[in-house]
Amino acid sequence: MKRKRPQHAPTAWQTSAQWRMIGSAAIREWNAKRFNLPKCNAARKSDREPCRHIAMENGKCFIHGGRTPRGEEWHRTQWPDGKSPDAEKKLRKKLAERERAARKRSTRLAAMSPEERDQHDAWHAARTPGSAAARQRKRDERKQAAEIRAMLERPQPAPSAETAELAKQIAALRAELEARRVDPQKPTGAFA
């Protein structure tokens, strides 16, 4: 049941002509500014035309997902603030919502065939929650790994005579370096 807010009698200031002029001026200013504000980029269900509501931070209006949580904790339950006067009521409501959602989820999973359940599990495994930066980093790593695999699978060209000559020179230089590193006065064995 929705509670009615108490109606307060307007003060003399609120019934004055000056107060009405200030209010009208504020509304005119808002309406003039409103047309230049960014609009929601979602399509309306009724006619698939662009939504005309004012967009929130994420480019959507409050109807089309503008209030959806963002950031690191978007996928976690947002618990009510314990300091608010109706925190206990909000907490009970949130717990009931979670319990109802868990029952609905378990009913839906029980009705799935084994193939549907495998698809469901694969879909969830591919979409792990986390921050946008972490998800982007994982996408970049997968892309780099795929590029490396493709490079390794490409057939390598046969070494040219010049490359073979350079490999011989490198081997000779390494052998010479190892020979110089051996110091007859350097202790060997357990004290090395």
Protein backbone atom coordinates (compact mmCIF):
# COMPACT_ATOMS: atom_id res chain seq x y z
CA MET A 1 0.00 0.00 0.00
CA LYS A 2 1.41 3.35 -1.00
CA ARG A 3 1.48 6.01 1.69
CA LYS A 4 0.29 9.48 0.88
CA ARG A 5 2.66 12.29 1.55
CA PRO A 6 1.28 14.90 3.91
CA GLN A 7 0.03 17.97 2.11
CA HIS A 8 1.29 21.22 3.58
CA ALA A 9 -0.62 24.44 3.21
CA PRO A 10 1.21 26.84 0.87
CA THR A 11 2.89 29.74 2.55
CA ALA A 12 2.19 33.36 1.68
CA TRP A 13 5.46 33.43 -0.27
CA GLN A 14 4.42 30.40 -2.37
CA THR A 15 1.11 32.02 -3.31
CA SER A 16 2.70 35.32 -4.28
CA ALA A 17 3.08 36.51 -7.88
CA GLN A 18 6.83 36.91 -7.42
CA TRP A 19 7.22 33.24 -6.46
CA ARG A 20 5.20 32.15 -9.53
CA MET A 21 7.40 34.35 -11.79
CA ILE A 22 10.58 32.78 -10.36
CA GLY A 23 9.13 29.29 -10.89
CA SER A 24 8.01 30.08 -14.44
CA ALA A 25 11.44 31.51 -15.29
CA ALA A 26 13.16 28.38 -13.96
CA ILE A 27 10.87 26.13 -16.02
CA ARG A 28 11.44 28.22 -19.19
CA GLU A 29 15.21 28.04 -18.65
CA TRP A 30 15.08 24.27 -18.18
CA ASN A 31 12.92 23.74 -21.26
CA ALA A 32 15.28 25.86 -23.39
CA LYS A 33 18.29 23.87 -22.16
CA ARG A 34 16.52 20.49 -22.45
CA PHE A 35 16.61 20.39 -26.27
CA ASN A 36 20.42 20.56 -26.30
CA LEU A 37 20.95 17.78 -23.76
CA PRO A 38 21.98 14.34 -25.11
CA LYS A 39 19.08 11.98 -25.74
CA CYS A 40 18.79 8.26 -25.04
CA ASN A 41 20.23 6.15 -27.88
CA ALA A 42 17.77 3.25 -27.41
CA ALA A 43 14.83 2.48 -29.70
CA ARG A 44 11.31 2.67 -28.31
CA LYS A 45 9.35 -0.60 -28.24
CA SER A 46 6.18 0.96 -29.59
CA ASP A 47 7.48 2.27 -32.92
CA ARG A 48 11.26 1.57 -32.93
CA GLU A 49 11.92 5.31 -33.17
CA PRO A 50 14.75 6.81 -31.08
CA CYS A 51 13.82 7.48 -27.47
CA ARG A 52 13.38 11.18 -26.70
CA HIS A 53 14.19 11.01 -22.99
CA ILE A 54 17.28 12.73 -21.64
CA ALA A 55 20.24 10.35 -21.36
CA MET A 56 22.03 9.54 -18.14
CA GLU A 57 25.82 9.00 -17.84
CA ASN A 58 25.87 5.76 -19.86
CA GLY A 59 23.90 7.14 -22.83
CA LYS A 60 20.56 5.56 -21.82
CA CYS A 61 17.55 7.09 -20.12
CA PHE A 62 16.18 5.82 -16.81
CA ILE A 63 13.73 3.56 -18.70
CA HIS A 64 16.27 1.91 -21.02
CA GLY A 65 18.98 0.99 -18.51
CA GLY A 66 20.46 4.29 -17.37
CA ARG A 67 20.24 3.21 -13.73
CA THR A 68 21.99 -0.11 -14.26
CA PRO A 69 24.95 -0.40 -11.85
CA ARG A 70 28.39 0.04 -13.40
CA GLY A 71 32.00 -0.38 -12.39
CA GLU A 72 33.69 -3.14 -10.44
CA GLU A 73 30.61 -4.27 -8.50
CA TRP A 74 27.94 -4.14 -11.23
CA HIS A 75 27.23 -7.88 -11.05
CA ARG A 76 26.96 -8.06 -7.27
CA THR A 77 23.91 -7.45 -5.13
CA GLN A 78 23.75 -3.84 -4.00
CA TRP A 79 22.83 -4.03 -0.30
CA PRO A 80 21.00 -1.13 1.35
CA ASP A 81 22.86 1.37 3.47
CA GLY A 82 22.56 0.36 7.13
CA LYS A 83 22.29 3.97 8.26
CA SER A 84 19.07 4.72 6.36
CA PRO A 85 15.89 4.80 8.47
CA ASP A 86 14.19 1.96 6.54
CA ALA A 87 17.31 -0.19 6.04
CA GLU A 88 15.77 -3.26 7.67
CA LYS A 89 12.72 -3.12 5.39
CA LYS A 90 14.93 -2.70 2.31
CA LEU A 91 17.14 -5.59 3.43
CA ARG A 92 14.14 -7.92 3.90
CA LYS A 93 12.86 -6.92 0.46
CA LYS A 94 16.27 -7.52 -1.15
CA LEU A 95 16.59 -10.96 0.51
CA ALA A 96 13.07 -11.92 -0.64
CA GLU A 97 13.94 -10.82 -4.20
CA ARG A 98 17.09 -12.94 -4.16
CA GLU A 99 15.23 -15.97 -2.82
CA ARG A 100 12.50 -15.57 -5.46
CA ALA A 101 15.11 -15.25 -8.23
CA ALA A 102 16.95 -18.37 -6.96
CA ARG A 103 13.72 -20.41 -7.00
CA LYS A 104 12.90 -19.18 -10.51
CA ARG A 105 16.44 -19.99 -11.72
CA SER A 106 16.40 -23.50 -10.24
CA THR A 107 12.98 -24.22 -11.81
CA ARG A 108 14.25 -23.03 -15.20
CA LEU A 109 17.44 -25.11 -14.95
CA ALA A 110 15.51 -28.23 -13.89
CA ALA A 111 13.28 -27.93 -16.99
CA MET A 112 16.27 -27.81 -19.38
CA SER A 113 17.36 -30.76 -21.47
CA PRO A 114 20.99 -31.92 -21.10
CA GLU A 115 21.93 -30.19 -24.40
CA GLU A 116 20.29 -26.93 -23.30
CA ARG A 117 22.03 -27.16 -19.93
CA ASP A 118 25.42 -27.66 -21.64
CA GLN A 119 24.75 -24.60 -23.82
CA HIS A 120 23.70 -22.62 -20.75
CA ASP A 121 26.84 -23.59 -18.82
CA ALA A 122 29.08 -22.78 -21.81
CA TRP A 123 27.43 -19.38 -22.21
CA HIS A 124 28.00 -18.53 -18.53
CA ALA A 125 31.58 -19.80 -18.60
CA ALA A 126 32.34 -17.47 -21.52
CA ARG A 127 30.87 -14.44 -19.75
CA THR A 128 32.62 -14.08 -16.43
CA PRO A 129 31.74 -10.94 -14.47
CA GLY A 130 34.32 -8.33 -13.64
CA SER A 131 35.38 -4.82 -14.51
CA ALA A 132 35.32 -3.61 -18.09
CA ALA A 133 39.11 -3.21 -18.03
CA ALA A 134 39.63 -6.82 -16.90
CA ARG A 135 37.27 -8.14 -19.58
CA GLN A 136 39.05 -6.06 -22.26
CA ARG A 137 42.44 -7.30 -21.06
CA LYS A 138 41.27 -10.92 -21.36
CA ARG A 139 39.93 -10.25 -24.87
CA ASP A 140 43.28 -8.71 -25.87
CA GLU A 141 45.18 -11.68 -24.42
CA ARG A 142 43.00 -14.15 -26.34
CA LYS A 143 43.52 -12.16 -29.55
CA GLN A 144 47.31 -12.08 -29.06
CA ALA A 145 47.38 -15.82 -28.31
CA ALA A 146 45.43 -16.52 -31.51
CA GLU A 147 47.85 -14.35 -33.53
CA ILE A 148 50.85 -16.18 -32.03
CA ARG A 149 49.30 -19.58 -32.82
CA ALA A 150 48.66 -18.45 -36.40
CA MET A 151 52.28 -17.25 -36.73
CA LEU A 152 53.65 -20.55 -35.38
CA GLU A 153 51.45 -22.60 -37.73
CA ARG A 154 52.70 -20.75 -40.83
CA PRO A 155 55.36 -22.70 -42.72
CA GLN A 156 58.82 -21.29 -42.12
CA PRO A 157 60.87 -20.45 -45.21
CA ALA A 158 63.99 -22.52 -45.81
CA PRO A 159 67.12 -20.76 -44.53
CA SER A 160 69.12 -19.09 -47.24
CA ALA A 161 72.88 -19.57 -47.71
CA GLU A 162 73.48 -16.19 -46.12
CA THR A 163 71.42 -17.18 -43.03
CA ALA A 164 73.32 -20.47 -42.72
CA GLU A 165 76.64 -18.58 -42.88
CA LEU A 166 75.47 -16.17 -40.14
CA ALA A 167 74.40 -19.12 -37.95
CA LYS A 168 77.91 -20.64 -38.31
CA GLN A 169 79.53 -17.32 -37.35
CA ILE A 170 77.25 -17.00 -34.29
CA ALA A 171 78.10 -20.55 -33.19
CA ALA A 172 81.84 -19.84 -33.58
CA LEU A 173 81.55 -16.61 -31.55
CA ARG A 174 79.63 -18.41 -28.79
CA ALA A 175 82.29 -21.13 -28.61
CA GLU A 176 85.01 -18.48 -28.39
CA LEU A 177 83.07 -16.65 -25.63
CA GLU A 178 82.72 -19.88 -23.60
CA ALA A 179 86.44 -20.58 -24.03
CA ARG A 180 87.28 -17.10 -22.67
CA ARG A 181 84.95 -17.54 -19.72
CA VAL A 182 86.84 -20.60 -18.49
CA ASP A 183 89.33 -19.24 -15.96
CA PRO A 184 91.96 -21.77 -14.77
CA GLN A 185 92.34 -19.94 -11.46
CA LYS A 186 88.61 -19.92 -10.75
CA PRO A 187 87.62 -22.57 -8.15
CA THR A 188 85.40 -25.40 -9.35
CA GLY A 189 83.30 -27.98 -7.59
CA ALA A 190 81.57 -27.32 -4.26
CA PHE A 191 83.12 -23.82 -3.83
CA ALA A 192 82.14 -22.46 -7.26
